[in-house]
Amino acid sequence: MLLTTLRANLENPFLQYKKGFLPEDFYLQVGVKNNQQVARLILDFELPLTENFREELSKNLTEMEAPRDA
């Protein structure tokens, strides 16, 4: 139940951003960071997600796990 609530709290800002209600800089600085912190957990538990948000979480994880050039 806690993960479902967390999922809703993360997916809502994503949907607001996609509809133009949240500024891009806010979403990229706050939303993506929050997504990255719990994306693996949400995906591993196979919580119900919109397909767009599932893709966003996967993208956020890939970006976080990618080696950074020095």
PDB file of N, CA and C in Angstrom:
ATOM      1  N   MET A   1       0.824  -1.185   0.000  1.00  0.00           N
ATOM      2  CA  MET A   1       0.000   0.000   0.000  1.00  0.00           C
ATOM      3  C   MET A   1       0.876   1.260   0.000  1.00  0.00           C
ATOM      4  N   LEU A   2       1.962   1.226   0.756  1.00  0.00           N
ATOM      5  CA  LEU A   2       2.858   2.384   0.794  1.00  0.00           C
ATOM      6  C   LEU A   2       3.499   2.649  -0.561  1.00  0.00           C
ATOM      7  N   LEU A   3       3.888   1.592  -1.253  1.00  0.00           N
ATOM      8  CA  LEU A   3       4.501   1.781  -2.568  1.00  0.00           C
ATOM      9  C   LEU A   3       3.503   2.324  -3.582  1.00  0.00           C
ATOM     10  N   THR A   4       2.258   1.926  -3.479  1.00  0.00           N
ATOM     11  CA  THR A   4       1.238   2.451  -4.391  1.00  0.00           C
ATOM     12  C   THR A   4       1.029   3.944  -4.158  1.00  0.00           C
ATOM     13  N   THR A   5       1.034   4.365  -2.896  1.00  0.00           N
ATOM     14  CA  THR A   5       0.918   5.794  -2.578  1.00  0.00           C
ATOM     15  C   THR A   5       2.129   6.552  -3.100  1.00  0.00           C
ATOM     16  N   LEU A   6       3.311   5.994  -2.903  1.00  0.00           N
ATOM     17  CA  LEU A   6       4.533   6.622  -3.401  1.00  0.00           C
ATOM     18  C   LEU A   6       4.499   6.733  -4.921  1.00  0.00           C
ATOM     19  N   ARG A   7       4.076   5.667  -5.575  1.00  0.00           N
ATOM     20  CA  ARG A   7       3.969   5.691  -7.032  1.00  0.00           C
ATOM     21  C   ARG A   7       3.059   6.811  -7.507  1.00  0.00           C
ATOM     22  N   ALA A   8       1.924   6.967  -6.852  1.00  0.00           N
ATOM     23  CA  ALA A   8       0.984   8.023  -7.230  1.00  0.00           C
ATOM     24  C   ALA A   8       1.599   9.401  -7.022  1.00  0.00           C
ATOM     25  N   ASN A   9       2.354   9.558  -5.945  1.00  0.00           N
ATOM     26  CA  ASN A   9       2.990  10.847  -5.664  1.00  0.00           C
ATOM     27  C   ASN A   9       4.112  11.171  -6.643  1.00  0.00           C
ATOM     28  N   LEU A  10       4.672  10.189  -7.286  1.00  0.00           N
ATOM     29  CA  LEU A  10       5.706  10.422  -8.299  1.00  0.00           C
ATOM     30  C   LEU A  10       5.103  10.558  -9.695  1.00  0.00           C
ATOM     31  N   GLU A  11       4.090   9.766  -9.978  1.00  0.00           N
ATOM     32  CA  GLU A  11       3.495   9.808 -11.316  1.00  0.00           C
ATOM     33  C   GLU A  11       2.700  11.101 -11.532  1.00  0.00           C
ATOM     34  N   ASN A  12       2.094  11.617 -10.483  1.00  0.00           N
ATOM     35  CA  ASN A  12       1.308  12.845 -10.616  1.00  0.00           C
ATOM     36  C   ASN A  12       2.144  14.018 -11.144  1.00  0.00           C
ATOM     37  N   PRO A  13       3.310  14.334 -10.562  1.00  0.00           N
ATOM     38  CA  PRO A  13       4.110  15.430 -11.120  1.00  0.00           C
ATOM     39  C   PRO A  13       4.571  15.156 -12.550  1.00  0.00           C
ATOM     40  N   PHE A  14       4.840  13.894 -12.881  1.00  0.00           N
ATOM     41  CA  PHE A  14       5.222  13.558 -14.248  1.00  0.00           C
ATOM     42  C   PHE A  14       4.094  13.910 -15.210  1.00  0.00           C
ATOM     43  N   LEU A  15       2.871  13.519 -14.854  1.00  0.00           N
ATOM     44  CA  LEU A  15       1.729  13.820 -15.715  1.00  0.00           C
ATOM     45  C   LEU A  15       1.475  15.328 -15.802  1.00  0.00           C
ATOM     46  N   GLN A  16       1.639  16.027 -14.684  1.00  0.00           N
ATOM     47  CA  GLN A  16       1.479  17.486 -14.699  1.00  0.00           C
ATOM     48  C   GLN A  16       2.526  18.141 -15.597  1.00  0.00           C
ATOM     49  N   TYR A  17       3.749  17.651 -15.523  1.00  0.00           N
ATOM     50  CA  TYR A  17       4.822  18.178 -16.379  1.00  0.00           C
ATOM     51  C   TYR A  17       4.496  17.939 -17.849  1.00  0.00           C
ATOM     52  N   LYS A  18       4.063  16.732 -18.184  1.00  0.00           N
ATOM     53  CA  LYS A  18       3.746  16.409 -19.574  1.00  0.00           C
ATOM     54  C   LYS A  18       2.599  17.260 -20.115  1.00  0.00           C
ATOM     55  N   LYS A  19       1.669  17.656 -19.245  1.00  0.00           N
ATOM     56  CA  LYS A  19       0.536  18.485 -19.677  1.00  0.00           C
ATOM     57  C   LYS A  19       0.859  19.979 -19.629  1.00  0.00           C
ATOM     58  N   GLY A  20       2.065  20.329 -19.167  1.00  0.00           N
ATOM     59  CA  GLY A  20       2.489  21.726 -19.163  1.00  0.00           C
ATOM     60  C   GLY A  20       2.165  22.490 -17.893  1.00  0.00           C
ATOM     61  N   PHE A  21       1.754  21.795 -16.847  1.00  0.00           N
ATOM     62  CA  PHE A  21       1.409  22.466 -15.593  1.00  0.00           C
ATOM     63  C   PHE A  21       2.601  22.670 -14.674  1.00  0.00           C
ATOM     64  N   LEU A  22       3.690  21.941 -14.892  1.00  0.00           N
ATOM     65  CA  LEU A  22       4.917  22.111 -14.107  1.00  0.00           C
ATOM     66  C   LEU A  22       6.031  22.560 -15.040  1.00  0.00           C
ATOM     67  N   PRO A  23       6.848  23.506 -14.604  1.00  0.00           N
ATOM     68  CA  PRO A  23       7.965  23.933 -15.446  1.00  0.00           C
ATOM     69  C   PRO A  23       8.994  22.812 -15.626  1.00  0.00           C
ATOM     70  N   GLU A  24       9.614  22.799 -16.781  1.00  0.00           N
ATOM     71  CA  GLU A  24      10.586  21.758 -17.095  1.00  0.00           C
ATOM     72  C   GLU A  24      11.746  21.740 -16.101  1.00  0.00           C
ATOM     73  N   ASP A  25      12.273  22.925 -15.741  1.00  0.00           N
ATOM     74  CA  ASP A  25      13.417  22.953 -14.829  1.00  0.00           C
ATOM     75  C   ASP A  25      13.070  22.340 -13.474  1.00  0.00           C
ATOM     76  N   PHE A  26      11.861  22.580 -12.981  1.00  0.00           N
ATOM     77  CA  PHE A  26      11.449  21.982 -11.713  1.00  0.00           C
ATOM     78  C   PHE A  26      11.371  20.465 -11.839  1.00  0.00           C
ATOM     79  N   TYR A  27      10.730  19.998 -12.889  1.00  0.00           N
ATOM     80  CA  TYR A  27      10.591  18.555 -13.051  1.00  0.00           C
ATOM     81  C   TYR A  27      11.952  17.886 -13.187  1.00  0.00           C
ATOM     82  N   LEU A  28      12.846  18.466 -13.977  1.00  0.00           N
ATOM     83  CA  LEU A  28      14.152  17.856 -14.186  1.00  0.00           C
ATOM     84  C   LEU A  28      14.998  17.865 -12.915  1.00  0.00           C
ATOM     85  N   GLN A  29      14.892  18.910 -12.119  1.00  0.00           N
ATOM     86  CA  GLN A  29      15.705  19.007 -10.908  1.00  0.00           C
ATOM     87  C   GLN A  29      15.109  18.241  -9.730  1.00  0.00           C
ATOM     88  N   VAL A  30      13.799  18.218  -9.616  1.00  0.00           N
ATOM     89  CA  VAL A  30      13.156  17.599  -8.455  1.00  0.00           C
ATOM     90  C   VAL A  30      12.490  16.269  -8.826  1.00  0.00           C
ATOM     91  N   GLY A  31      11.665  16.291  -9.832  1.00  0.00           N
ATOM     92  CA  GLY A  31      10.915  15.091 -10.199  1.00  0.00           C
ATOM     93  C   GLY A  31      11.805  13.936 -10.620  1.00  0.00           C
ATOM     94  N   VAL A  32      12.761  14.214 -11.497  1.00  0.00           N
ATOM     95  CA  VAL A  32      13.642  13.149 -11.978  1.00  0.00           C
ATOM     96  C   VAL A  32      14.483  12.594 -10.830  1.00  0.00           C
ATOM     97  N   LYS A  33      14.983  13.472  -9.976  1.00  0.00           N
ATOM     98  CA  LYS A  33      15.791  13.017  -8.830  1.00  0.00           C
ATOM     99  C   LYS A  33      14.962  12.098  -7.924  1.00  0.00           C
ATOM    100  N   ASN A  34      13.727  12.489  -7.641  1.00  0.00           N
ATOM    101  CA  ASN A  34      12.847  11.647  -6.823  1.00  0.00           C
ATOM    102  C   ASN A  34      12.573  10.316  -7.510  1.00  0.00           C
ATOM    103  N   ASN A  35      12.322  10.358  -8.812  1.00  0.00           N
ATOM    104  CA  ASN A  35      12.071   9.131  -9.569  1.00  0.00           C
ATOM    105  C   ASN A  35      13.258   8.180  -9.456  1.00  0.00           C
ATOM    106  N   GLN A  36      14.459   8.713  -9.614  1.00  0.00           N
ATOM    107  CA  GLN A  36      15.651   7.882  -9.604  1.00  0.00           C
ATOM    108  C   GLN A  36      15.836   7.177  -8.263  1.00  0.00           C
ATOM    109  N   GLN A  37      15.440   7.815  -7.188  1.00  0.00           N
ATOM    110  CA  GLN A  37      15.646   7.240  -5.864  1.00  0.00           C
ATOM    111  C   GLN A  37      14.806   5.989  -5.622  1.00  0.00           C
ATOM    112  N   VAL A  38      13.662   5.889  -6.261  1.00  0.00           N
ATOM    113  CA  VAL A  38      12.772   4.759  -5.973  1.00  0.00           C
ATOM    114  C   VAL A  38      12.328   3.987  -7.222  1.00  0.00           C
ATOM    115  N   ALA A  39      12.845   4.358  -8.378  1.00  0.00           N
ATOM    116  CA  ALA A  39      12.405   3.719  -9.624  1.00  0.00           C
ATOM    117  C   ALA A  39      12.615   2.215  -9.609  1.00  0.00           C
ATOM    118  N   ARG A  40      13.775   1.765  -9.168  1.00  0.00           N
ATOM    119  CA  ARG A  40      14.059   0.327  -9.172  1.00  0.00           C
ATOM    120  C   ARG A  40      13.033  -0.424  -8.323  1.00  0.00           C
ATOM    121  N   LEU A  41      12.709   0.110  -7.169  1.00  0.00           N
ATOM    122  CA  LEU A  41      11.740  -0.522  -6.274  1.00  0.00           C
ATOM    123  C   LEU A  41      10.360  -0.606  -6.928  1.00  0.00           C
ATOM    124  N   ILE A  42       9.925   0.494  -7.508  1.00  0.00           N
ATOM    125  CA  ILE A  42       8.609   0.531  -8.151  1.00  0.00           C
ATOM    126  C   ILE A  42       8.550  -0.451  -9.321  1.00  0.00           C
ATOM    127  N   LEU A  43       9.608  -0.477 -10.131  1.00  0.00           N
ATOM    128  CA  LEU A  43       9.622  -1.381 -11.275  1.00  0.00           C
ATOM    129  C   LEU A  43       9.730  -2.838 -10.836  1.00  0.00           C
ATOM    130  N   ASP A  44      10.546  -3.110  -9.830  1.00  0.00           N
ATOM    131  CA  ASP A  44      10.704  -4.489  -9.356  1.00  0.00           C
ATOM    132  C   ASP A  44       9.415  -5.055  -8.766  1.00  0.00           C
ATOM    133  N   PHE A  45       8.617  -4.214  -8.126  1.00  0.00           N
ATOM    134  CA  PHE A  45       7.360  -4.676  -7.541  1.00  0.00           C
ATOM    135  C   PHE A  45       6.224  -4.688  -8.554  1.00  0.00           C
ATOM    136  N   GLU A  46       6.523  -4.276  -9.786  1.00  0.00           N
ATOM    137  CA  GLU A  46       5.550  -4.301 -10.884  1.00  0.00           C
ATOM    138  C   GLU A  46       4.238  -3.619 -10.512  1.00  0.00           C
ATOM    139  N   LEU A  47       4.382  -2.416  -9.939  1.00  0.00           N
ATOM    140  CA  LEU A  47       3.190  -1.646  -9.597  1.00  0.00           C
ATOM    141  C   LEU A  47       2.490  -1.188 -10.866  1.00  0.00           C
ATOM    142  N   PRO A  48       1.189  -0.970 -10.808  1.00  0.00           N
ATOM    143  CA  PRO A  48       0.478  -0.488 -11.997  1.00  0.00           C
ATOM    144  C   PRO A  48       0.926   0.936 -12.337  1.00  0.00           C
ATOM    145  N   LEU A  49       1.372   1.119 -13.577  1.00  0.00           N
ATOM    146  CA  LEU A  49       1.864   2.417 -14.054  1.00  0.00           C
ATOM    147  C   LEU A  49       1.322   2.681 -15.445  1.00  0.00           C
ATOM    148  N   THR A  50       1.219   3.959 -15.784  1.00  0.00           N
ATOM    149  CA  THR A  50       0.958   4.252 -17.187  1.00  0.00           C
ATOM    150  C   THR A  50       2.208   3.867 -17.967  1.00  0.00           C
ATOM    151  N   GLU A  51       2.047   3.507 -19.218  1.00  0.00           N
ATOM    152  CA  GLU A  51       3.195   3.107 -20.029  1.00  0.00           C
ATOM    153  C   GLU A  51       4.208   4.244 -20.146  1.00  0.00           C
ATOM    154  N   ASN A  52       3.732   5.485 -20.264  1.00  0.00           N
ATOM    155  CA  ASN A  52       4.643   6.630 -20.363  1.00  0.00           C
ATOM    156  C   ASN A  52       5.476   6.793 -19.100  1.00  0.00           C
ATOM    157  N   PHE A  53       4.875   6.591 -17.938  1.00  0.00           N
ATOM    158  CA  PHE A  53       5.621   6.744 -16.696  1.00  0.00           C
ATOM    159  C   PHE A  53       6.595   5.586 -16.503  1.00  0.00           C
ATOM    160  N   ARG A  54       6.208   4.387 -16.924  1.00  0.00           N
ATOM    161  CA  ARG A  54       7.129   3.245 -16.855  1.00  0.00           C
ATOM    162  C   ARG A  54       8.374   3.538 -17.703  1.00  0.00           C
ATOM    163  N   GLU A  55       8.176   4.077 -18.893  1.00  0.00           N
ATOM    164  CA  GLU A  55       9.297   4.439 -19.762  1.00  0.00           C
ATOM    165  C   GLU A  55      10.150   5.537 -19.118  1.00  0.00           C
ATOM    166  N   GLU A  56       9.498   6.501 -18.479  1.00  0.00           N
ATOM    167  CA  GLU A  56      10.219   7.587 -17.807  1.00  0.00           C
ATOM    168  C   GLU A  56      11.088   7.048 -16.680  1.00  0.00           C
ATOM    169  N   LEU A  57      10.549   6.150 -15.866  1.00  0.00           N
ATOM    170  CA  LEU A  57      11.335   5.566 -14.778  1.00  0.00           C
ATOM    171  C   LEU A  57      12.531   4.791 -15.322  1.00  0.00           C
ATOM    172  N   SER A  58      12.328   4.030 -16.368  1.00  0.00           N
ATOM    173  CA  SER A  58      13.436   3.286 -16.978  1.00  0.00           C
ATOM    174  C   SER A  58      14.502   4.233 -17.503  1.00  0.00           C
ATOM    175  N   LYS A  59      14.060   5.313 -18.149  1.00  0.00           N
ATOM    176  CA  LYS A  59      15.000   6.313 -18.667  1.00  0.00           C
ATOM    177  C   LYS A  59      15.760   6.968 -17.516  1.00  0.00           C
ATOM    178  N   ASN A  60      15.060   7.333 -16.456  1.00  0.00           N
ATOM    179  CA  ASN A  60      15.699   7.967 -15.303  1.00  0.00           C
ATOM    180  C   ASN A  60      16.734   7.041 -14.679  1.00  0.00           C
ATOM    181  N   LEU A  61      16.420   5.749 -14.582  1.00  0.00           N
ATOM    182  CA  LEU A  61      17.368   4.780 -14.032  1.00  0.00           C
ATOM    183  C   LEU A  61      18.604   4.655 -14.911  1.00  0.00           C
ATOM    184  N   THR A  62      18.396   4.585 -16.211  1.00  0.00           N
ATOM    185  CA  THR A  62      19.515   4.480 -17.148  1.00  0.00           C
ATOM    186  C   THR A  62      20.442   5.683 -17.005  1.00  0.00           C
ATOM    187  N   GLU A  63      19.860   6.865 -16.912  1.00  0.00           N
ATOM    188  CA  GLU A  63      20.667   8.075 -16.755  1.00  0.00           C
ATOM    189  C   GLU A  63      21.441   8.064 -15.434  1.00  0.00           C
ATOM    190  N   MET A  64      20.818   7.573 -14.388  1.00  0.00           N
ATOM    191  CA  MET A  64      21.471   7.546 -13.085  1.00  0.00           C
ATOM    192  C   MET A  64      22.596   6.524 -13.048  1.00  0.00           C
ATOM    193  N   GLU A  65      22.403   5.380 -13.695  1.00  0.00           N
ATOM    194  CA  GLU A  65      23.374   4.292 -13.630  1.00  0.00           C
ATOM    195  C   GLU A  65      24.483   4.424 -14.669  1.00  0.00           C
ATOM    196  N   ALA A  66      24.314   5.340 -15.632  1.00  0.00           N
ATOM    197  CA  ALA A  66      25.329   5.509 -16.667  1.00  0.00           C
ATOM    198  C   ALA A  66      26.596   6.111 -16.072  1.00  0.00           C
ATOM    199  N   PRO A  67      27.756   5.581 -16.473  1.00  0.00           N
ATOM    200  CA  PRO A  67      28.997   6.163 -15.968  1.00  0.00           C
ATOM    201  C   PRO A  67      29.146   7.608 -16.442  1.00  0.00           C
ATOM    202  N   ARG A  68      29.648   8.432 -15.556  1.00  0.00           N
ATOM    203  CA  ARG A  68      29.830   9.848 -15.898  1.00  0.00           C
ATOM    204  C   ARG A  68      31.250  10.072 -16.388  1.00  0.00           C
ATOM    205  N   ASP A  69      31.359  10.823 -17.477  1.00  0.00           N
ATOM    206  CA  ASP A  69      32.687  11.153 -18.002  1.00  0.00           C
ATOM    207  C   ASP A  69      33.327  12.176 -17.083  1.00  0.00           C
ATOM    208  N   ALA A  70      34.588  11.964 -16.807  1.00  0.00           N
ATOM    209  CA  ALA A  70      35.308  12.884 -15.912  1.00  0.00           C
ATOM    210  C   ALA A  70      35.922  14.028 -16.679  1.00  0.00           C
TER     211      ALA A  70
END
